[in-house]
PDB file of N, CA and C in Angstrom:
ATOM      1  N   MET A   1      88.480  98.978 117.603  1.00  0.00           N
ATOM      2  CA  MET A   1      89.974  98.018 117.345  1.00  0.00           C
ATOM      3  C   MET A   1      89.975  98.308 115.866  1.00  0.00           C
ATOM      4  N   MET A   2      90.859  98.819 115.441  1.00  0.00           N
ATOM      5  CA  MET A   2      91.435  99.066 113.796  1.00  0.00           C
ATOM      6  C   MET A   2      92.239  97.765 113.464  1.00  0.00           C
ATOM      7  N   ARG A   3      91.851  96.893 112.522  1.00  0.00           N
ATOM      8  CA  ARG A   3      92.763  96.058 111.792  1.00  0.00           C
ATOM      9  C   ARG A   3      92.745  96.173 110.197  1.00  0.00           C
ATOM     10  N   ASN A   4      93.798  95.768 109.847  1.00  0.00           N
ATOM     11  CA  ASN A   4      94.062  95.855 108.630  1.00  0.00           C
ATOM     12  C   ASN A   4      93.374  94.523 107.959  1.00  0.00           C
ATOM     13  N   GLU A   5      93.129  94.668 106.398  1.00  0.00           N
ATOM     14  CA  GLU A   5      92.291  93.620 105.828  1.00  0.00           C
ATOM     15  C   GLU A   5      92.782  92.448 105.759  1.00  0.00           C
ATOM     16  N   TYR A   6      94.186  92.212 106.173  1.00  0.00           N
ATOM     17  CA  TYR A   6      94.887  90.810 105.966  1.00  0.00           C
ATOM     18  C   TYR A   6      94.583  90.107 107.443  1.00  0.00           C
ATOM     19  N   GLN A   7      93.965  90.746 108.604  1.00  0.00           N
ATOM     20  CA  GLN A   7      93.825  90.576 109.980  1.00  0.00           C
ATOM     21  C   GLN A   7      92.189  90.024 110.089  1.00  0.00           C
ATOM     22  N   VAL A   8      91.531  90.431 109.076  1.00  0.00           N
ATOM     23  CA  VAL A   8      90.021  90.011 108.723  1.00  0.00           C
ATOM     24  C   VAL A   8      89.897  89.052 108.189  1.00  0.00           C
ATOM     25  N   LEU A   9      90.584  88.894 106.919  1.00  0.00           N
ATOM     26  CA  LEU A   9      90.498  87.383 106.002  1.00  0.00           C
ATOM     27  C   LEU A   9      91.522  86.703 106.453  1.00  0.00           C
ATOM     28  N   ILE A  10      91.356  85.310 106.979  1.00  0.00           N
ATOM     29  CA  ILE A  10      92.466  84.461 107.552  1.00  0.00           C
ATOM     30  C   ILE A  10      92.875  83.507 106.565  1.00  0.00           C
ATOM     31  N   ARG A  11      91.674  82.961 105.532  1.00  0.00           N
ATOM     32  CA  ARG A  11      92.338  82.108 104.773  1.00  0.00           C
ATOM     33  C   ARG A  11      90.974  81.859 103.666  1.00  0.00           C
ATOM     34  N   PRO A  12      91.289  81.782 102.395  1.00  0.00           N
ATOM     35  CA  PRO A  12      90.032  80.910 101.671  1.00  0.00           C
ATOM     36  C   PRO A  12      89.841  79.501 101.638  1.00  0.00           C
ATOM     37  N   LEU A  13      88.524  79.218 101.871  1.00  0.00           N
ATOM     38  CA  LEU A  13      88.174  77.959 102.023  1.00  0.00           C
ATOM     39  C   LEU A  13      87.943  77.340 100.435  1.00  0.00           C
ATOM     40  N   VAL A  14      88.884  76.235 100.111  1.00  0.00           N
ATOM     41  CA  VAL A  14      88.803  75.673  99.026  1.00  0.00           C
ATOM     42  C   VAL A  14      88.256  74.335  99.067  1.00  0.00           C
ATOM     43  N   THR A  15      87.098  73.988  98.781  1.00  0.00           N
ATOM     44  CA  THR A  15      86.521  72.559  98.647  1.00  0.00           C
ATOM     45  C   THR A  15      85.966  72.386  97.296  1.00  0.00           C
ATOM     46  N   GLU A  16      85.516  71.262  96.961  1.00  0.00           N
ATOM     47  CA  GLU A  16      84.777  71.087  95.681  1.00  0.00           C
ATOM     48  C   GLU A  16      83.574  71.765  95.649  1.00  0.00           C
ATOM     49  N   LYS A  17      82.805  71.671  96.712  1.00  0.00           N
ATOM     50  CA  LYS A  17      81.605  72.577  96.721  1.00  0.00           C
ATOM     51  C   LYS A  17      81.361  74.056  96.662  1.00  0.00           C
ATOM     52  N   ASN A  18      82.575  74.405  97.332  1.00  0.00           N
ATOM     53  CA  ASN A  18      82.752  75.838  97.146  1.00  0.00           C
ATOM     54  C   ASN A  18      83.266  76.325  95.907  1.00  0.00           C
ATOM     55  N   MET A  19      84.051  75.538  94.889  1.00  0.00           N
ATOM     56  CA  MET A  19      84.577  75.935  93.653  1.00  0.00           C
ATOM     57  C   MET A  19      83.376  75.981  92.672  1.00  0.00           C
ATOM     58  N   GLN A  20      82.118  74.826  93.172  1.00  0.00           N
ATOM     59  CA  GLN A  20      81.213  74.800  92.228  1.00  0.00           C
ATOM     60  C   GLN A  20      80.287  76.037  92.169  1.00  0.00           C
ATOM     61  N   LEU A  21      80.207  76.425  93.395  1.00  0.00           N
ATOM     62  CA  LEU A  21      79.292  77.762  93.925  1.00  0.00           C
ATOM     63  C   LEU A  21      79.992  79.069  93.383  1.00  0.00           C
ATOM     64  N   HIS A  22      81.526  78.976  93.229  1.00  0.00           N
ATOM     65  CA  HIS A  22      82.226  79.987  92.872  1.00  0.00           C
ATOM     66  C   HIS A  22      82.036  80.266  91.184  1.00  0.00           C
ATOM     67  N   GLU A  23      82.105  79.026  90.571  1.00  0.00           N
ATOM     68  CA  GLU A  23      81.886  79.144  89.105  1.00  0.00           C
ATOM     69  C   GLU A  23      80.181  79.372  88.702  1.00  0.00           C
ATOM     70  N   SER A  24      79.458  78.948  89.283  1.00  0.00           N
ATOM     71  CA  SER A  24      77.912  79.190  88.955  1.00  0.00           C
ATOM     72  C   SER A  24      77.338  80.255  89.671  1.00  0.00           C
ATOM     73  N   GLU A  25      77.538  80.634  90.700  1.00  0.00           N
ATOM     74  CA  GLU A  25      76.750  81.813  91.314  1.00  0.00           C
ATOM     75  C   GLU A  25      77.924  82.980  91.955  1.00  0.00           C
ATOM     76  N   ASN A  26      78.893  82.903  91.361  1.00  0.00           N
ATOM     77  CA  ASN A  26      80.027  84.010  91.756  1.00  0.00           C
ATOM     78  C   ASN A  26      79.987  84.112  93.277  1.00  0.00           C
ATOM     79  N   LYS A  27      80.117  83.016  93.869  1.00  0.00           N
ATOM     80  CA  LYS A  27      80.413  83.190  95.611  1.00  0.00           C
ATOM     81  C   LYS A  27      81.670  82.988  95.778  1.00  0.00           C
ATOM     82  N   VAL A  28      82.453  83.581  96.623  1.00  0.00           N
ATOM     83  CA  VAL A  28      83.800  83.130  97.260  1.00  0.00           C
ATOM     84  C   VAL A  28      83.614  82.710  98.809  1.00  0.00           C
ATOM     85  N   PHE A  29      84.152  82.015  99.368  1.00  0.00           N
ATOM     86  CA  PHE A  29      84.183  81.539 100.816  1.00  0.00           C
ATOM     87  C   PHE A  29      85.740  81.941 101.850  1.00  0.00           C
ATOM     88  N   PHE A  30      85.245  82.443 102.828  1.00  0.00           N
ATOM     89  CA  PHE A  30      86.570  82.840 103.410  1.00  0.00           C
ATOM     90  C   PHE A  30      86.342  82.472 105.064  1.00  0.00           C
ATOM     91  N   GLU A  31      87.780  81.884 105.812  1.00  0.00           N
ATOM     92  CA  GLU A  31      87.649  81.879 106.936  1.00  0.00           C
ATOM     93  C   GLU A  31      88.022  83.533 107.662  1.00  0.00           C
ATOM     94  N   VAL A  32      87.271  83.848 108.374  1.00  0.00           N
ATOM     95  CA  VAL A  32      87.679  85.328 108.909  1.00  0.00           C
ATOM     96  C   VAL A  32      87.805  85.459 110.259  1.00  0.00           C
ATOM     97  N   ALA A  33      88.181  86.364 110.849  1.00  0.00           N
ATOM     98  CA  ALA A  33      88.529  86.555 112.170  1.00  0.00           C
ATOM     99  C   ALA A  33      87.150  86.533 112.974  1.00  0.00           C
ATOM    100  N   PRO A  34      87.103  85.967 114.317  1.00  0.00           N
ATOM    101  CA  PRO A  34      86.124  85.408 115.068  1.00  0.00           C
ATOM    102  C   PRO A  34      85.177  86.534 115.419  1.00  0.00           C
ATOM    103  N   ASP A  35      85.669  87.988 115.384  1.00  0.00           N
ATOM    104  CA  ASP A  35      84.685  89.265 115.883  1.00  0.00           C
ATOM    105  C   ASP A  35      84.687  90.135 114.793  1.00  0.00           C
ATOM    106  N   ALA A  36      85.032  89.489 113.425  1.00  0.00           N
ATOM    107  CA  ALA A  36      84.655  90.398 112.373  1.00  0.00           C
ATOM    108  C   ALA A  36      83.080  90.525 111.804  1.00  0.00           C
ATOM    109  N   ASN A  37      82.850  91.597 111.468  1.00  0.00           N
ATOM    110  CA  ASN A  37      81.384  91.606 110.933  1.00  0.00           C
ATOM    111  C   ASN A  37      81.228  91.717 109.683  1.00  0.00           C
ATOM    112  N   ARG A  38      80.111  91.885 108.743  1.00  0.00           N
ATOM    113  CA  ARG A  38      79.847  91.788 107.641  1.00  0.00           C
ATOM    114  C   ARG A  38      80.479  93.163 106.943  1.00  0.00           C
ATOM    115  N   ILE A  39      80.465  94.431 107.607  1.00  0.00           N
ATOM    116  CA  ILE A  39      81.164  95.631 106.859  1.00  0.00           C
ATOM    117  C   ILE A  39      82.353  95.484 106.589  1.00  0.00           C
ATOM    118  N   GLU A  40      83.302  94.642 107.777  1.00  0.00           N
ATOM    119  CA  GLU A  40      84.726  94.636 107.575  1.00  0.00           C
ATOM    120  C   GLU A  40      85.009  93.820 106.729  1.00  0.00           C
ATOM    121  N   VAL A  41      84.249  92.298 106.643  1.00  0.00           N
ATOM    122  CA  VAL A  41      84.535  91.642 105.714  1.00  0.00           C
ATOM    123  C   VAL A  41      84.276  91.918 104.010  1.00  0.00           C
ATOM    124  N   LYS A  42      83.339  92.968 104.083  1.00  0.00           N
ATOM    125  CA  LYS A  42      82.985  93.556 102.571  1.00  0.00           C
ATOM    126  C   LYS A  42      84.289  94.473 102.471  1.00  0.00           C
ATOM    127  N   ARG A  43      84.561  95.067 103.229  1.00  0.00           N
ATOM    128  CA  ARG A  43      85.690  95.964 102.914  1.00  0.00           C
ATOM    129  C   ARG A  43      87.178  95.719 102.555  1.00  0.00           C
ATOM    130  N   ALA A  44      87.265  94.443 103.317  1.00  0.00           N
ATOM    131  CA  ALA A  44      88.535  93.773 103.124  1.00  0.00           C
ATOM    132  C   ALA A  44      88.664  93.045 102.026  1.00  0.00           C
ATOM    133  N   VAL A  45      87.607  92.323 101.393  1.00  0.00           N
ATOM    134  CA  VAL A  45      87.479  91.756 100.267  1.00  0.00           C
ATOM    135  C   VAL A  45      87.543  92.630  98.864  1.00  0.00           C
ATOM    136  N   GLU A  46      87.003  93.821  99.061  1.00  0.00           N
ATOM    137  CA  GLU A  46      86.901  94.737  97.817  1.00  0.00           C
ATOM    138  C   GLU A  46      88.383  95.365  97.656  1.00  0.00           C
ATOM    139  N   LYS A  47      89.026  95.678  99.085  1.00  0.00           N
ATOM    140  CA  LYS A  47      90.361  96.438  98.958  1.00  0.00           C
ATOM    141  C   LYS A  47      91.594  95.138  98.287  1.00  0.00           C
ATOM    142  N   VAL A  48      91.304  93.831  98.993  1.00  0.00           N
ATOM    143  CA  VAL A  48      92.388  93.059  99.079  1.00  0.00           C
ATOM    144  C   VAL A  48      92.520  92.701  97.551  1.00  0.00           C
ATOM    145  N   PHE A  49      91.002  92.432  96.754  1.00  0.00           N
ATOM    146  CA  PHE A  49      91.010  91.415  95.419  1.00  0.00           C
ATOM    147  C   PHE A  49      90.554  92.731  94.555  1.00  0.00           C
ATOM    148  N   ASN A  50      90.363  93.796  94.950  1.00  0.00           N
ATOM    149  CA  ASN A  50      89.699  95.091  93.848  1.00  0.00           C
ATOM    150  C   ASN A  50      88.541  94.714  93.246  1.00  0.00           C
ATOM    151  N   VAL A  51      87.606  93.997  93.656  1.00  0.00           N
ATOM    152  CA  VAL A  51      86.507  93.631  93.100  1.00  0.00           C
ATOM    153  C   VAL A  51      85.241  94.351  94.090  1.00  0.00           C
ATOM    154  N   LYS A  52      83.854  94.456  93.319  1.00  0.00           N
ATOM    155  CA  LYS A  52      82.667  94.839  93.917  1.00  0.00           C
ATOM    156  C   LYS A  52      81.969  93.727  94.478  1.00  0.00           C
ATOM    157  N   VAL A  53      81.729  93.942  95.757  1.00  0.00           N
ATOM    158  CA  VAL A  53      80.834  92.957  96.540  1.00  0.00           C
ATOM    159  C   VAL A  53      79.473  93.312  96.537  1.00  0.00           C
ATOM    160  N   GLU A  54      78.534  92.226  96.226  1.00  0.00           N
ATOM    161  CA  GLU A  54      77.125  92.457  96.282  1.00  0.00           C
ATOM    162  C   GLU A  54      76.628  91.941  97.745  1.00  0.00           C
ATOM    163  N   LYS A  55      76.846  91.209  98.336  1.00  0.00           N
ATOM    164  CA  LYS A  55      76.407  90.738  99.726  1.00  0.00           C
ATOM    165  C   LYS A  55      77.378  89.777 100.331  1.00  0.00           C
ATOM    166  N   VAL A  56      77.146  89.797 101.809  1.00  0.00           N
ATOM    167  CA  VAL A  56      78.337  88.885 102.787  1.00  0.00           C
ATOM    168  C   VAL A  56      77.199  88.335 103.549  1.00  0.00           C
ATOM    169  N   ASN A  57      77.445  86.999 103.699  1.00  0.00           N
ATOM    170  CA  ASN A  57      76.573  86.365 104.725  1.00  0.00           C
ATOM    171  C   ASN A  57      77.759  85.583 105.509  1.00  0.00           C
ATOM    172  N   ILE A  58      77.363  85.471 107.078  1.00  0.00           N
ATOM    173  CA  ILE A  58      78.489  85.066 107.955  1.00  0.00           C
ATOM    174  C   ILE A  58      77.973  83.881 108.829  1.00  0.00           C
ATOM    175  N   LEU A  59      78.889  83.036 108.914  1.00  0.00           N
ATOM    176  CA  LEU A  59      78.199  81.583 109.772  1.00  0.00           C
ATOM    177  C   LEU A  59      79.146  81.540 110.721  1.00  0.00           C
ATOM    178  N   ASN A  60      78.727  81.379 111.907  1.00  0.00           N
ATOM    179  CA  ASN A  60      79.565  80.812 113.188  1.00  0.00           C
ATOM    180  C   ASN A  60      79.648  79.264 113.012  1.00  0.00           C
ATOM    181  N   GLN A  61      80.938  78.491 112.962  1.00  0.00           N
ATOM    182  CA  GLN A  61      80.938  77.214 112.849  1.00  0.00           C
ATOM    183  C   GLN A  61      81.175  77.024 114.125  1.00  0.00           C
ATOM    184  N   ASN A  62      80.824  75.620 114.858  1.00  0.00           N
ATOM    185  CA  ASN A  62      81.172  75.265 116.059  1.00  0.00           C
ATOM    186  C   ASN A  62      82.088  74.249 116.004  1.00  0.00           C
ATOM    187  N   GLY A  63      83.074  74.045 116.593  1.00  0.00           N
ATOM    188  CA  GLY A  63      84.123  73.098 116.394  1.00  0.00           C
ATOM    189  C   GLY A  63      83.685  71.739 116.707  1.00  0.00           C
ATOM    190  N   LYS A  64      84.251  70.782 116.069  1.00  0.00           N
ATOM    191  CA  LYS A  64      83.761  69.556 116.369  1.00  0.00           C
ATOM    192  C   LYS A  64      84.408  68.677 117.118  1.00  0.00           C
ATOM    193  N   ARG A  65      83.559  67.598 118.119  1.00  0.00           N
ATOM    194  CA  ARG A  65      83.989  67.102 119.304  1.00  0.00           C
ATOM    195  C   ARG A  65      84.962  66.106 118.653  1.00  0.00           C
ATOM    196  N   VAL A  66      86.129  65.903 119.184  1.00  0.00           N
ATOM    197  CA  VAL A  66      86.955  64.570 118.903  1.00  0.00           C
ATOM    198  C   VAL A  66      87.739  64.098 119.666  1.00  0.00           C
ATOM    199  N   ARG A  67      88.318  62.912 119.766  1.00  0.00           N
ATOM    200  CA  ARG A  67      88.787  61.882 120.400  1.00  0.00           C
ATOM    201  C   ARG A  67      90.333  61.728 120.361  1.00  0.00           C
ATOM    202  N   PHE A  68      91.251  62.313 121.394  1.00  0.00           N
ATOM    203  CA  PHE A  68      92.283  61.973 121.417  1.00  0.00           C
ATOM    204  C   PHE A  68      93.032  61.133 122.283  1.00  0.00           C
ATOM    205  N   LYS A  69      93.072  59.763 121.983  1.00  0.00           N
ATOM    206  CA  LYS A  69      93.739  58.846 122.702  1.00  0.00           C
ATOM    207  C   LYS A  69      92.347  58.601 123.388  1.00  0.00           C
ATOM    208  N   MET A  70      92.570  58.623 124.771  1.00  0.00           N
ATOM    209  CA  MET A  70      91.534  58.171 125.503  1.00  0.00           C
ATOM    210  C   MET A  70      90.805  59.587 126.053  1.00  0.00           C
ATOM    211  N   GLN A  71      90.960  60.467 125.637  1.00  0.00           N
ATOM    212  CA  GLN A  71      90.305  61.746 126.119  1.00  0.00           C
ATOM    213  C   GLN A  71      89.493  62.310 124.998  1.00  0.00           C
ATOM    214  N   MET A  72      88.399  63.044 125.402  1.00  0.00           N
ATOM    215  CA  MET A  72      87.621  63.731 124.296  1.00  0.00           C
ATOM    216  C   MET A  72      88.341  65.202 124.337  1.00  0.00           C
ATOM    217  N   GLY A  73      88.075  66.013 123.229  1.00  0.00           N
ATOM    218  CA  GLY A  73      88.667  67.026 123.012  1.00  0.00           C
ATOM    219  C   GLY A  73      87.785  67.735 121.973  1.00  0.00           C
ATOM    220  N   LYS A  74      87.944  69.136 121.597  1.00  0.00           N
ATOM    221  CA  LYS A  74      87.159  69.953 120.854  1.00  0.00           C
ATOM    222  C   LYS A  74      88.093  70.763 120.069  1.00  0.00           C
ATOM    223  N   ARG A  75      87.858  70.837 118.881  1.00  0.00           N
ATOM    224  CA  ARG A  75      88.122  71.750 117.922  1.00  0.00           C
ATOM    225  C   ARG A  75      87.980  73.253 118.091  1.00  0.00           C
ATOM    226  N   LYS A  76      88.362  74.149 117.589  1.00  0.00           N
ATOM    227  CA  LYS A  76      88.046  75.712 117.815  1.00  0.00           C
ATOM    228  C   LYS A  76      87.102  76.026 116.972  1.00  0.00           C
ATOM    229  N   ASN A  77      86.180  77.007 117.697  1.00  0.00           N
ATOM    230  CA  ASN A  77      84.950  77.369 116.780  1.00  0.00           C
ATOM    231  C   ASN A  77      85.928  78.433 115.900  1.00  0.00           C
ATOM    232  N   TRP A  78      85.090  78.619 114.687  1.00  0.00           N
ATOM    233  CA  TRP A  78      85.448  79.682 113.634  1.00  0.00           C
ATOM    234  C   TRP A  78      84.417  80.216 112.755  1.00  0.00           C
ATOM    235  N   LYS A  79      84.789  81.517 112.091  1.00  0.00           N
ATOM    236  CA  LYS A  79      83.754  82.265 111.407  1.00  0.00           C
ATOM    237  C   LYS A  79      83.880  81.872 109.958  1.00  0.00           C
ATOM    238  N   LYS A  80      82.934  81.545 109.161  1.00  0.00           N
ATOM    239  CA  LYS A  80      82.956  81.446 107.767  1.00  0.00           C
ATOM    240  C   LYS A  80      82.018  82.851 107.093  1.00  0.00           C
ATOM    241  N   ALA A  81      82.844  83.380 106.152  1.00  0.00           N
ATOM    242  CA  ALA A  81      81.965  84.391 105.560  1.00  0.00           C
ATOM    243  C   ALA A  81      81.745  84.119 103.815  1.00  0.00           C
ATOM    244  N   ILE A  82      80.458  83.788 103.374  1.00  0.00           N
ATOM    245  CA  ILE A  82      80.266  83.703 102.000  1.00  0.00           C
ATOM    246  C   ILE A  82      80.066  84.875 101.557  1.00  0.00           C
ATOM    247  N   VAL A  83      80.918  85.587 100.249  1.00  0.00           N
ATOM    248  CA  VAL A  83      80.851  86.713  99.549  1.00  0.00           C
ATOM    249  C   VAL A  83      80.281  86.445  98.353  1.00  0.00           C
ATOM    250  N   THR A  84      79.298  87.214  97.791  1.00  0.00           N
ATOM    251  CA  THR A  84      78.483  87.055  96.552  1.00  0.00           C
ATOM    252  C   THR A  84      79.183  88.099  95.912  1.00  0.00           C
ATOM    253  N   LEU A  85      79.866  88.246  94.767  1.00  0.00           N
ATOM    254  CA  LEU A  85      80.387  89.081  94.134  1.00  0.00           C
ATOM    255  C   LEU A  85      79.437  89.763  92.938  1.00  0.00           C
ATOM    256  N   LYS A  86      79.377  90.810  92.635  1.00  0.00           N
ATOM    257  CA  LYS A  86      78.855  91.593  91.638  1.00  0.00           C
ATOM    258  C   LYS A  86      78.784  91.025  90.215  1.00  0.00           C
ATOM    259  N   GLU A  87      78.015  90.932  89.397  1.00  0.00           N
ATOM    260  CA  GLU A  87      78.094  90.653  87.946  1.00  0.00           C
ATOM    261  C   GLU A  87      79.473  90.841  87.309  1.00  0.00           C
ATOM    262  N   GLY A  88      79.975  90.123  86.414  1.00  0.00           N
ATOM    263  CA  GLY A  88      81.313  90.373  85.873  1.00  0.00           C
ATOM    264  C   GLY A  88      82.739  90.411  86.785  1.00  0.00           C
ATOM    265  N   GLU A  89      82.465  90.424  88.045  1.00  0.00           N
ATOM    266  CA  GLU A  89      83.636  90.288  89.087  1.00  0.00           C
ATOM    267  C   GLU A  89      84.168  89.039  89.307  1.00  0.00           C
ATOM    268  N   LYS A  90      85.507  89.061  89.465  1.00  0.00           N
ATOM    269  CA  LYS A  90      85.854  87.558  89.381  1.00  0.00           C
ATOM    270  C   LYS A  90      87.336  87.773  90.471  1.00  0.00           C
ATOM    271  N   VAL A  91      87.256  86.779  91.324  1.00  0.00           N
ATOM    272  CA  VAL A  91      88.431  86.533  92.377  1.00  0.00           C
ATOM    273  C   VAL A  91      89.214  85.271  91.953  1.00  0.00           C
ATOM    274  N   ASP A  92      90.656  85.358  91.759  1.00  0.00           N
ATOM    275  CA  ASP A  92      91.528  84.428  91.598  1.00  0.00           C
ATOM    276  C   ASP A  92      92.389  84.075  92.534  1.00  0.00           C
ATOM    277  N   TYR A  93      92.231  83.452  93.532  1.00  0.00           N
ATOM    278  CA  TYR A  93      93.110  83.466  94.624  1.00  0.00           C
ATOM    279  C   TYR A  93      93.850  81.973  94.590  1.00  0.00           C
ATOM    280  N   LEU A  94      93.509  81.345  93.631  1.00  0.00           N
ATOM    281  CA  LEU A  94      94.143  80.023  93.339  1.00  0.00           C
ATOM    282  C   LEU A  94      95.380  80.247  92.479  1.00  0.00           C
ATOM    283  N   GLU A  95      95.440  81.371  91.517  1.00  0.00           N
ATOM    284  CA  GLU A  95      96.309  81.455  90.534  1.00  0.00           C
ATOM    285  C   GLU A  95      97.460  82.401  91.083  1.00  0.00           C
ATOM    286  N   GLY A  96      98.052  82.376  92.052  1.00  0.00           N
ATOM    287  CA  GLY A  96      99.075  83.280  92.735  1.00  0.00           C
ATOM    288  C   GLY A  96      98.441  84.281  93.141  1.00  0.00           C
TER     289      GLY A  96
END
């Protein structure tokens, strides 16, 4: 199944810890499509942000169990990608 880059990358993950790793180790974090693989994520980041990617790590995040009034529920499972950029590359997804 062919997807474009915007279907692979769902959204950037912006947290305090992620921003520290972005500044110190040149890593960026994205929520990606549940069936995306490392090659698709690498191609999508390189094309969308016009940067060179060194390495991609992917994690499957299980949804948390939550309570809705008197019933137990579960949030959806999702996939996170940690993309390490090559030296000197920069992604500015916070600056418009």
